[in-house]
């Protein structure tokens, strides 16, 4: 399957145009929209989300990843990264730095293919989606090998909020396996304890827990952690 991971949002034509570009080159492929509201123009937050959310996808999944604030500038090379049994296509702007942490045999190619007409501002449609389709069709890699090096020296765990879901729950960049159950999460002068699930605390009470992707997440039972605690993408905390 080809999995879309973007900051395009659901409004406007962009996601539809991306899907249409895949269909044009590989109409037989299943296209899954994993997330279209990744924090906008924020490759760092996106990198931690991608690493967590891509783990449970089957072998040979192709990820079309477009969080590209530098699109058209020529600063970030367009790349294909093979990591384990998954392949990731998108800009080399830190987006793939976390998914490759502590992984051996990471392969990378700089994409050299371009269509006859390419927009300066829509490489997702014009380059990344067609390249994913080519790989799905088992065509030769449309690029040249390059040594893989992370773009930034980002830590294994990021102690900040990286995503707010539709319920107002706040996802962090910290792996729950890296902390212990008795750890208290601190945001400013507020202390938040761990619970296993929502019903373990009273309505309106805040807690942190291990979410379904294995990350530390902050929630309020029957409420919004974002509104109650004033959380937003970028809010930092300690554990």
Protein backbone atom coordinates (compact mmCIF):
# COMPACT_ATOMS: atom_id res chain seq x y z
CA UNK A 1 0.00 0.00 0.00
CA UNK A 2 0.95 3.64 -0.35
CA UNK A 3 0.42 5.65 2.83
CA UNK A 4 -0.02 9.43 2.76
CA UNK A 5 1.44 11.45 5.64
CA UNK A 6 1.04 15.19 5.11
CA UNK A 7 0.27 18.58 6.63
CA UNK A 8 -2.11 19.48 3.79
CA UNK A 9 -5.31 19.29 5.86
CA UNK A 10 -8.66 18.09 4.52
CA UNK A 11 -9.73 21.45 3.10
CA UNK A 12 -8.85 22.42 -0.43
CA UNK A 13 -7.69 20.29 -3.38
CA UNK A 14 -4.21 19.26 -2.22
CA UNK A 15 -4.91 15.83 -0.71
CA UNK A 16 -7.16 14.90 -3.63
CA UNK A 17 -4.53 15.96 -6.14
CA UNK A 18 -1.94 13.85 -4.30
CA UNK A 19 -4.20 10.79 -4.44
CA UNK A 20 -4.96 11.42 -8.12
CA UNK A 21 -1.24 11.58 -8.92
CA UNK A 22 -0.73 8.14 -7.35
CA UNK A 23 -3.72 6.77 -9.23
CA UNK A 24 -2.43 8.12 -12.53
CA UNK A 25 0.77 6.08 -12.29
CA UNK A 26 -0.36 3.09 -10.19
CA UNK A 27 -4.16 2.68 -10.33
CA UNK A 28 -3.95 -0.79 -8.81
CA UNK A 29 -2.42 0.40 -5.52
CA UNK A 30 -4.31 0.85 -2.27
CA UNK A 31 -3.86 4.40 -0.96
CA UNK A 32 -4.29 5.07 2.76
CA UNK A 33 -4.49 8.59 4.16
CA UNK A 34 -2.75 8.06 7.49
CA UNK A 35 -2.80 11.70 8.53
CA UNK A 36 -3.41 14.98 6.71
CA UNK A 37 -3.15 17.27 9.75
CA UNK A 38 0.42 16.70 10.85
CA UNK A 39 1.56 19.96 12.50
CA UNK A 40 2.08 22.34 9.61
CA UNK A 41 5.58 23.22 8.47
CA UNK A 42 7.02 21.29 11.42
CA UNK A 43 9.29 18.43 10.22
CA UNK A 44 10.59 17.90 13.75
CA UNK A 45 7.22 17.05 15.29
CA UNK A 46 6.35 15.07 12.17
CA UNK A 47 9.52 12.97 12.49
CA UNK A 48 8.49 11.61 15.90
CA UNK A 49 4.91 10.96 14.76
CA UNK A 50 6.09 9.13 11.65
CA UNK A 51 8.41 6.90 13.66
CA UNK A 52 5.60 5.93 16.03
CA UNK A 53 2.78 5.58 13.52
CA UNK A 54 4.69 3.64 10.85
CA UNK A 55 5.69 0.73 13.10
CA UNK A 56 2.57 -1.38 12.67
CA UNK A 57 2.28 -1.19 8.91
CA UNK A 58 3.03 -4.35 6.93
CA UNK A 59 6.23 -5.03 5.06
CA UNK A 60 6.74 -3.23 1.74
CA UNK A 61 4.53 -0.30 2.73
CA UNK A 62 5.49 2.92 0.94
CA UNK A 63 5.11 6.18 2.86
CA UNK A 64 4.55 9.36 0.84
CA UNK A 65 5.59 12.02 3.35
CA UNK A 66 5.11 15.71 2.59
CA UNK A 67 5.87 18.18 5.35
CA UNK A 68 8.00 20.49 3.27
CA UNK A 69 8.24 24.15 4.33
CA UNK A 70 11.31 24.57 2.10
CA UNK A 71 9.60 23.28 -1.06
CA UNK A 72 11.11 24.72 -4.23
CA UNK A 73 14.13 26.24 -2.48
CA UNK A 74 16.54 23.45 -3.43
CA UNK A 75 17.78 23.29 0.17
CA UNK A 76 16.25 19.90 1.05
CA UNK A 77 17.02 17.05 -1.34
CA UNK A 78 14.12 14.83 -2.40
CA UNK A 79 14.94 11.33 -1.15
CA UNK A 80 13.86 7.71 -0.87
CA UNK A 81 14.83 6.04 2.40
CA UNK A 82 14.62 2.29 2.96
CA UNK A 83 14.48 1.48 6.67
CA UNK A 84 13.74 -2.11 7.62
CA UNK A 85 10.89 -3.32 5.41
CA UNK A 86 9.43 0.14 4.79
CA UNK A 87 10.30 2.82 2.27
CA UNK A 88 9.81 6.52 2.85
CA UNK A 89 9.64 9.17 0.13
CA UNK A 90 9.88 12.89 0.86
CA UNK A 91 12.24 15.78 1.59
CA UNK A 92 15.49 15.29 3.51
CA UNK A 93 14.64 17.99 6.04
CA UNK A 94 14.73 15.92 9.24
CA UNK A 95 11.46 14.16 8.49
CA UNK A 96 13.15 10.73 8.43
CA UNK A 97 15.72 11.34 11.17
CA UNK A 98 13.80 9.62 13.98
CA UNK A 99 12.49 6.63 12.05
CA UNK A 100 16.12 5.75 11.25
CA UNK A 101 17.38 6.09 14.83
CA UNK A 102 19.51 3.09 15.83
CA UNK A 103 18.59 1.27 12.64
CA UNK A 104 21.18 -0.66 10.67
CA UNK A 105 21.34 -1.01 6.90
CA UNK A 106 19.48 2.21 6.13
CA UNK A 107 19.59 2.87 2.39
CA UNK A 108 19.00 6.22 0.74
CA UNK A 109 18.66 7.58 -2.77
CA UNK A 110 18.47 11.15 -3.98
CA UNK A 111 15.52 11.43 -6.37
CA UNK A 112 16.74 12.70 -9.72
CA UNK A 113 13.59 12.04 -11.76
CA UNK A 114 11.33 14.94 -12.62
CA UNK A 115 8.23 15.14 -14.78
CA UNK A 116 8.14 17.36 -17.84
CA UNK A 117 6.29 20.00 -15.84
CA UNK A 118 6.90 20.46 -12.12
CA UNK A 119 5.42 23.13 -9.87
CA UNK A 120 7.80 25.09 -7.66
CA UNK A 121 5.43 24.67 -4.71
CA UNK A 122 3.72 21.27 -5.10
CA UNK A 123 6.42 18.60 -5.13
CA UNK A 124 4.08 16.25 -3.27
CA UNK A 125 1.88 15.95 -6.34
CA UNK A 126 4.55 16.33 -9.01
CA UNK A 127 7.49 14.36 -7.59
CA UNK A 128 6.83 12.37 -4.42
CA UNK A 129 3.49 10.76 -5.35
CA UNK A 130 4.67 9.64 -8.82
CA UNK A 131 7.91 8.27 -7.36
CA UNK A 132 5.93 6.22 -4.81
CA UNK A 133 3.84 4.86 -7.67
CA UNK A 134 6.98 3.95 -9.64
CA UNK A 135 8.37 2.05 -6.67
CA UNK A 136 5.03 0.29 -6.18
CA UNK A 137 5.20 -0.73 -9.84
CA UNK A 138 8.65 -2.22 -9.14
CA UNK A 139 10.32 0.13 -11.57
CA UNK A 140 14.02 0.98 -11.04
CA UNK A 141 14.68 3.50 -8.29
CA UNK A 142 14.41 6.92 -9.99
CA UNK A 143 17.50 8.35 -8.36
CA UNK A 144 21.12 7.87 -7.34
CA UNK A 145 22.45 6.29 -4.12
CA UNK A 146 23.60 8.63 -1.37
CA UNK A 147 25.02 8.07 2.09
CA UNK A 148 22.33 8.36 4.73
CA UNK A 149 23.06 10.83 7.50
CA UNK A 150 20.39 12.34 9.76
CA UNK A 151 19.88 16.02 9.02
CA UNK A 152 19.75 16.97 12.70
CA UNK A 153 21.01 15.58 15.99
CA UNK A 154 17.54 15.13 17.49
CA UNK A 155 17.19 13.09 20.69
CA UNK A 156 15.57 9.68 20.95
CA UNK A 157 12.77 11.24 23.01
CA UNK A 158 11.37 14.75 22.64
CA UNK A 159 9.86 16.28 25.79
CA UNK A 160 7.32 18.46 24.07
CA UNK A 161 3.84 18.17 22.59
CA UNK A 162 3.96 17.15 18.93
CA UNK A 163 0.27 16.62 18.06
CA UNK A 164 -3.19 17.53 19.37
CA UNK A 165 -5.90 15.10 18.27
CA UNK A 166 -9.58 15.84 17.69
CA UNK A 167 -10.43 15.07 21.32
CA UNK A 168 -7.89 17.55 22.63
CA UNK A 169 -5.49 14.82 23.76
CA UNK A 170 -1.85 15.92 23.58
CA UNK A 171 0.64 13.48 22.08
CA UNK A 172 4.29 13.86 23.06
CA UNK A 173 7.54 12.76 21.45
CA UNK A 174 8.49 10.61 24.46
CA UNK A 175 8.34 6.83 24.25
CA UNK A 176 6.39 5.39 27.16
CA UNK A 177 8.95 2.58 27.36
CA UNK A 178 11.58 5.18 28.29
CA UNK A 179 9.79 6.24 31.51
CA UNK A 180 8.42 4.41 34.53
CA UNK A 181 4.82 4.25 35.74
CA UNK A 182 5.50 6.28 38.86
CA UNK A 183 7.05 9.20 36.98
CA UNK A 184 5.19 12.48 37.43
CA UNK A 185 4.82 14.67 34.37
CA UNK A 186 5.36 18.37 35.06
CA UNK A 187 4.14 21.26 32.94
CA UNK A 188 5.04 24.54 34.58
CA UNK A 189 3.93 24.23 38.20
CA UNK A 190 1.34 21.53 37.46
CA UNK A 191 2.01 17.85 38.22
CA UNK A 192 0.22 15.09 36.30
CA UNK A 193 0.25 11.44 37.34
CA UNK A 194 -0.04 8.33 35.22
CA UNK A 195 -3.18 6.25 34.67
CA UNK A 196 -3.85 3.27 32.45
CA UNK A 197 -6.97 4.65 30.82
CA UNK A 198 -9.57 7.42 31.01
CA UNK A 199 -11.93 5.75 33.46
CA UNK A 200 -9.14 5.33 36.02
CA UNK A 201 -9.51 9.01 36.96
CA UNK A 202 -12.49 11.22 37.78
CA UNK A 203 -14.22 13.20 35.03
CA UNK A 204 -12.33 16.42 34.40
CA UNK A 205 -9.07 15.07 35.85
CA UNK A 206 -5.84 15.19 33.86
CA UNK A 207 -3.47 12.23 33.56
CA UNK A 208 -0.77 10.84 31.30
CA UNK A 209 -0.75 7.39 29.77
CA UNK A 210 0.85 5.20 27.13
CA UNK A 211 -1.15 5.71 23.97
CA UNK A 212 -1.81 3.11 21.28
CA UNK A 213 1.35 4.14 19.42
CA UNK A 214 3.59 3.69 22.45
CA UNK A 215 4.03 7.41 23.17
CA UNK A 216 3.35 9.41 26.33
CA UNK A 217 0.04 11.24 25.87
CA UNK A 218 -1.74 13.73 28.13
CA UNK A 219 -5.51 13.60 28.43
CA UNK A 220 -8.43 14.75 30.56
CA UNK A 221 -11.21 12.26 31.27
CA UNK A 222 -14.30 13.43 29.34
CA UNK A 223 -12.55 16.69 28.53
CA UNK A 224 -9.86 18.33 26.44
CA UNK A 225 -6.29 18.40 27.72
CA UNK A 226 -5.47 21.07 25.19
CA UNK A 227 -8.15 23.43 26.53
CA UNK A 228 -7.95 22.49 30.21
CA UNK A 229 -4.16 22.68 30.47
CA UNK A 230 -3.52 25.22 27.72
CA UNK A 231 -1.43 22.77 25.69
CA UNK A 232 -0.38 23.26 22.10
CA UNK A 233 2.18 21.82 19.72
CA UNK A 234 5.54 22.91 21.06
CA UNK A 235 4.58 22.97 24.76
CA UNK A 236 7.48 21.52 26.75
CA UNK A 237 7.32 19.38 29.88
CA UNK A 238 9.52 17.26 32.12
CA UNK A 239 9.25 13.69 33.37
